[in-house]
N, C-alpha and C. Protein backbone atom coordinates (compact mmCIF):
# COMPACT_ATOMS: atom_id res chain seq x y z
N MET A 1 13.45 -33.51 88.69
CA MET A 1 14.17 -35.52 88.11
C MET A 1 13.40 -36.49 87.85
N ALA A 2 14.56 -37.10 87.36
CA ALA A 2 14.07 -38.24 86.32
C ALA A 2 14.16 -38.82 87.57
N ALA A 3 13.73 -40.38 87.82
CA ALA A 3 13.78 -41.09 89.05
C ALA A 3 15.09 -41.59 88.80
N ALA A 4 16.27 -42.01 87.71
CA ALA A 4 17.76 -42.70 87.55
C ALA A 4 18.59 -41.34 88.30
N ALA A 5 17.91 -40.43 88.41
CA ALA A 5 18.26 -39.64 89.84
C ALA A 5 18.30 -39.92 91.11
N LEU A 6 17.38 -40.19 91.68
CA LEU A 6 16.77 -40.43 92.70
C LEU A 6 17.69 -41.90 93.13
N GLU A 7 18.46 -42.99 92.10
CA GLU A 7 18.66 -44.21 92.89
C GLU A 7 19.80 -43.91 94.18
N GLN A 8 19.58 -44.39 94.30
CA GLN A 8 20.60 -44.57 96.21
C GLN A 8 22.01 -44.78 95.95
N SER A 9 22.40 -45.64 94.29
CA SER A 9 23.93 -45.29 94.55
C SER A 9 24.33 -44.15 93.83
N MET A 10 23.16 -43.33 93.36
CA MET A 10 23.56 -41.85 92.49
C MET A 10 23.12 -41.57 93.85
N LEU A 11 22.60 -41.23 94.66
CA LEU A 11 22.33 -40.24 96.07
C LEU A 11 23.57 -40.60 97.23
N GLU A 12 24.31 -41.35 96.88
CA GLU A 12 25.80 -40.86 97.63
C GLU A 12 26.93 -41.30 97.51
N SER A 13 26.65 -40.02 95.55
CA SER A 13 27.65 -39.62 94.64
C SER A 13 27.76 -38.09 94.88
N LYS A 14 26.64 -37.75 95.02
CA LYS A 14 26.75 -36.56 95.99
C LYS A 14 26.50 -35.82 96.54
N ASP A 15 27.25 -34.46 96.96
CA ASP A 15 28.01 -34.03 98.19
C ASP A 15 26.92 -33.68 99.29
N LYS A 16 26.55 -33.81 100.30
CA LYS A 16 26.16 -32.81 101.08
C LYS A 16 24.80 -31.79 100.57
N ASP A 17 25.67 -30.57 100.21
CA ASP A 17 24.66 -29.88 100.44
C ASP A 17 23.88 -30.35 99.41
N THR A 18 24.52 -30.76 97.87
CA THR A 18 23.61 -31.32 97.17
C THR A 18 22.39 -32.44 97.60
N LEU A 19 22.56 -33.02 98.66
CA LEU A 19 21.57 -33.64 98.22
C LEU A 19 20.52 -32.78 100.06
N LEU A 20 21.05 -31.78 100.20
CA LEU A 20 20.47 -31.03 101.07
C LEU A 20 19.66 -30.46 99.87
N GLU A 21 19.86 -29.53 98.84
CA GLU A 21 18.82 -29.08 97.73
C GLU A 21 17.83 -29.19 97.77
N MET A 22 18.44 -30.46 97.18
CA MET A 22 17.34 -31.44 96.35
C MET A 22 16.47 -32.37 97.23
N ALA A 23 16.41 -32.04 98.72
CA ALA A 23 15.21 -32.80 99.12
C ALA A 23 14.91 -31.82 100.06
N LYS A 24 15.30 -30.43 100.06
CA LYS A 24 14.71 -28.68 99.95
C LYS A 24 13.37 -29.37 98.81
N ALA A 25 13.86 -29.17 97.98
CA ALA A 25 13.40 -29.01 96.37
C ALA A 25 11.97 -30.47 96.29
N LEU A 26 11.53 -31.52 96.94
CA LEU A 26 11.07 -32.69 96.82
C LEU A 26 10.13 -32.41 98.11
N GLY A 27 10.58 -31.12 99.38
CA GLY A 27 9.84 -31.34 100.08
C GLY A 27 9.99 -32.34 101.86
N VAL A 28 11.01 -32.33 101.38
CA VAL A 28 11.06 -33.26 102.79
C VAL A 28 12.07 -32.38 103.62
N LYS A 29 12.14 -32.23 105.15
CA LYS A 29 12.84 -31.77 106.28
C LYS A 29 13.76 -32.35 106.20
N VAL A 30 15.08 -32.07 105.74
CA VAL A 30 16.15 -31.84 106.30
C VAL A 30 16.54 -30.34 107.33
N THR A 31 17.94 -31.47 108.02
CA THR A 31 18.85 -30.34 107.95
C THR A 31 19.98 -30.56 108.44
N ALA A 32 20.76 -29.13 108.05
CA ALA A 32 22.33 -29.43 107.88
C ALA A 32 23.08 -30.18 109.07
N ARG A 33 22.83 -30.64 109.95
CA ARG A 33 23.46 -31.29 110.91
C ARG A 33 23.35 -32.68 110.92
N GLN A 34 22.51 -33.29 109.75
CA GLN A 34 21.95 -34.77 109.70
C GLN A 34 23.24 -35.25 109.50
N LYS A 35 23.08 -36.36 109.66
CA LYS A 35 24.25 -37.44 108.40
C LYS A 35 23.86 -37.14 106.82
N LYS A 36 24.80 -37.64 105.99
CA LYS A 36 25.15 -37.65 104.72
C LYS A 36 23.46 -38.28 104.43
N SER A 37 23.65 -40.23 105.12
CA SER A 37 23.01 -41.26 105.03
C SER A 37 21.85 -41.44 105.10
N GLU A 38 21.54 -40.16 106.35
CA GLU A 38 20.37 -39.98 106.33
C GLU A 38 19.06 -38.83 105.93
N ILE A 39 20.07 -38.03 104.88
CA ILE A 39 19.69 -37.20 103.96
C ILE A 39 18.66 -38.06 103.01
N ILE A 40 20.35 -39.05 102.32
CA ILE A 40 20.00 -39.93 100.86
C ILE A 40 18.71 -40.52 101.61
N ASP A 41 19.03 -40.61 102.69
CA ASP A 41 17.24 -41.86 103.66
C ASP A 41 16.02 -41.67 103.55
N LYS A 42 15.55 -40.40 103.62
CA LYS A 42 14.50 -39.39 103.78
C LYS A 42 14.23 -38.99 102.34
N ILE A 43 15.08 -38.42 101.08
CA ILE A 43 14.75 -38.49 100.14
C ILE A 43 13.96 -39.99 99.88
N LEU A 44 14.09 -40.78 100.06
CA LEU A 44 14.16 -42.24 99.00
C LEU A 44 12.79 -42.76 99.73
N ASP A 45 12.80 -41.82 100.84
CA ASP A 45 11.58 -42.83 101.87
C ASP A 45 10.33 -41.85 100.58
N THR A 46 10.31 -40.39 100.71
CA THR A 46 9.90 -39.48 99.95
C THR A 46 9.27 -40.09 98.54
N THR A 47 10.41 -40.80 97.53
CA THR A 47 10.56 -40.28 96.35
C THR A 47 10.30 -41.91 96.32
N GLY A 48 10.76 -42.92 97.79
CA GLY A 48 10.67 -44.55 96.88
C GLY A 48 11.89 -44.56 96.38
N PRO A 49 12.59 -45.79 96.59
CA PRO A 49 13.54 -46.34 95.43
C PRO A 49 13.40 -46.77 94.02
N SER A 50 13.70 -46.10 93.41
CA SER A 50 13.15 -46.24 92.03
C SER A 50 13.87 -48.25 91.74
N SER A 51 14.71 -48.65 91.40
CA SER A 51 15.33 -49.92 91.08
C SER A 51 14.45 -51.12 92.03
N PRO A 52 14.55 -51.17 93.07
CA PRO A 52 13.56 -52.32 93.41
C PRO A 52 11.85 -51.76 93.60
N VAL A 53 11.33 -51.52 93.73
CA VAL A 53 10.23 -50.82 93.11
C VAL A 53 10.28 -51.69 92.29
N SER A 54 10.44 -51.20 91.68
CA SER A 54 9.91 -51.26 89.68
C SER A 54 9.47 -52.72 89.50
N ALA A 55 10.93 -53.74 90.21
CA ALA A 55 10.96 -55.15 89.85
C ALA A 55 9.76 -55.03 89.99
N PRO A 56 9.81 -54.93 91.59
CA PRO A 56 8.70 -56.29 92.14
C PRO A 56 7.48 -55.62 91.74
N ALA A 57 6.65 -54.31 91.60
CA ALA A 57 5.55 -53.75 90.81
C ALA A 57 5.48 -54.63 89.70
N GLY A 58 6.38 -54.63 88.66
CA GLY A 58 5.97 -55.16 87.67
C GLY A 58 5.97 -56.56 87.36
N ASN A 59 6.71 -57.50 89.02
CA ASN A 59 5.90 -58.42 88.56
C ASN A 59 4.36 -59.07 88.75
N ALA A 60 4.24 -57.84 90.35
CA ALA A 60 2.32 -58.38 90.61
C ALA A 60 1.86 -57.54 89.42
N GLN A 61 2.33 -56.92 88.08
CA GLN A 61 1.94 -56.33 87.82
C GLN A 61 1.30 -57.55 86.23
N GLN A 62 2.25 -58.84 86.94
CA GLN A 62 2.56 -60.19 85.30
C GLN A 62 1.63 -61.19 85.92
N ALA A 63 0.85 -61.11 87.72
CA ALA A 63 0.99 -62.05 88.89
C ALA A 63 -1.11 -61.88 88.41
N PRO A 64 -0.95 -60.93 87.82
CA PRO A 64 -2.77 -60.55 87.79
C PRO A 64 -2.93 -61.13 85.98
N MET A 65 -1.81 -61.02 85.12
CA MET A 65 -2.20 -61.93 84.40
C MET A 65 -2.13 -63.33 84.54
N ALA A 66 -1.41 -63.79 85.25
CA ALA A 66 -1.26 -64.82 85.19
C ALA A 66 -2.41 -65.43 85.89
N ALA A 67 -3.23 -63.97 86.91
CA ALA A 67 -4.59 -65.21 87.24
C ALA A 67 -5.22 -65.33 86.16
N ALA A 68 -5.24 -64.52 85.52
CA ALA A 68 -6.38 -64.19 84.03
C ALA A 68 -6.65 -65.80 83.71
N ASP A 69 -4.91 -66.41 82.88
CA ASP A 69 -4.74 -67.72 82.69
C ASP A 69 -6.06 -68.49 83.10
N PRO A 70 -6.42 -69.11 84.39
CA PRO A 70 -7.15 -69.57 84.57
C PRO A 70 -9.41 -69.56 84.11
N ALA A 71 -8.81 -68.46 84.60
CA ALA A 71 -10.23 -67.71 83.65
C ALA A 71 -10.55 -68.07 82.39
N PRO A 72 -9.55 -68.07 81.93
CA PRO A 72 -10.38 -69.00 80.31
C PRO A 72 -10.94 -70.30 80.73
N ALA A 73 -10.59 -71.01 81.20
CA ALA A 73 -10.23 -72.26 81.52
C ALA A 73 -12.54 -72.83 82.04
N PRO A 74 -12.88 -71.96 82.18
CA PRO A 74 -14.16 -71.96 82.27
C PRO A 74 -14.97 -72.37 80.58
N ALA A 75 -13.77 -71.01 79.96
CA ALA A 75 -14.91 -70.29 78.83
C ALA A 75 -14.50 -72.59 78.10
N PRO A 76 -14.47 -73.66 78.11
CA PRO A 76 -14.63 -74.87 77.82
C PRO A 76 -16.16 -75.25 77.71
N SER A 77 -16.45 -74.94 78.97
CA SER A 77 -17.85 -75.04 79.53
C SER A 77 -18.52 -75.34 77.71
N ALA A 78 -18.67 -73.85 76.34
CA ALA A 78 -19.71 -74.47 75.20
C ALA A 78 -19.32 -75.92 75.14
N GLY A 79 -18.15 -76.29 74.95
CA GLY A 79 -17.75 -77.44 74.82
C GLY A 79 -18.87 -78.56 75.51
N SER A 80 -18.51 -78.41 76.62
CA SER A 80 -19.38 -79.83 77.08
C SER A 80 -20.98 -79.22 77.31
N ALA A 81 -21.18 -78.29 76.75
CA ALA A 81 -22.68 -78.30 76.53
C ALA A 81 -24.12 -78.46 75.51
């Protein structure tokens, strides 16, 4: 399944039977008695929400690069030698 198919808004547009099938295909234990919102939550817990997780992960990856900027600062020590 594409990651976009697992976004919360996309899941909310699906009917309950489709969500049950998706959950079972993902190995999520759900029952027909559960509310649609509970099934969506379980699917998202298993797969992780695509959009919110992607954005912070991208920022977290940029943070080490920003931390790498101070690392070249010791390089001018060759100029002091």
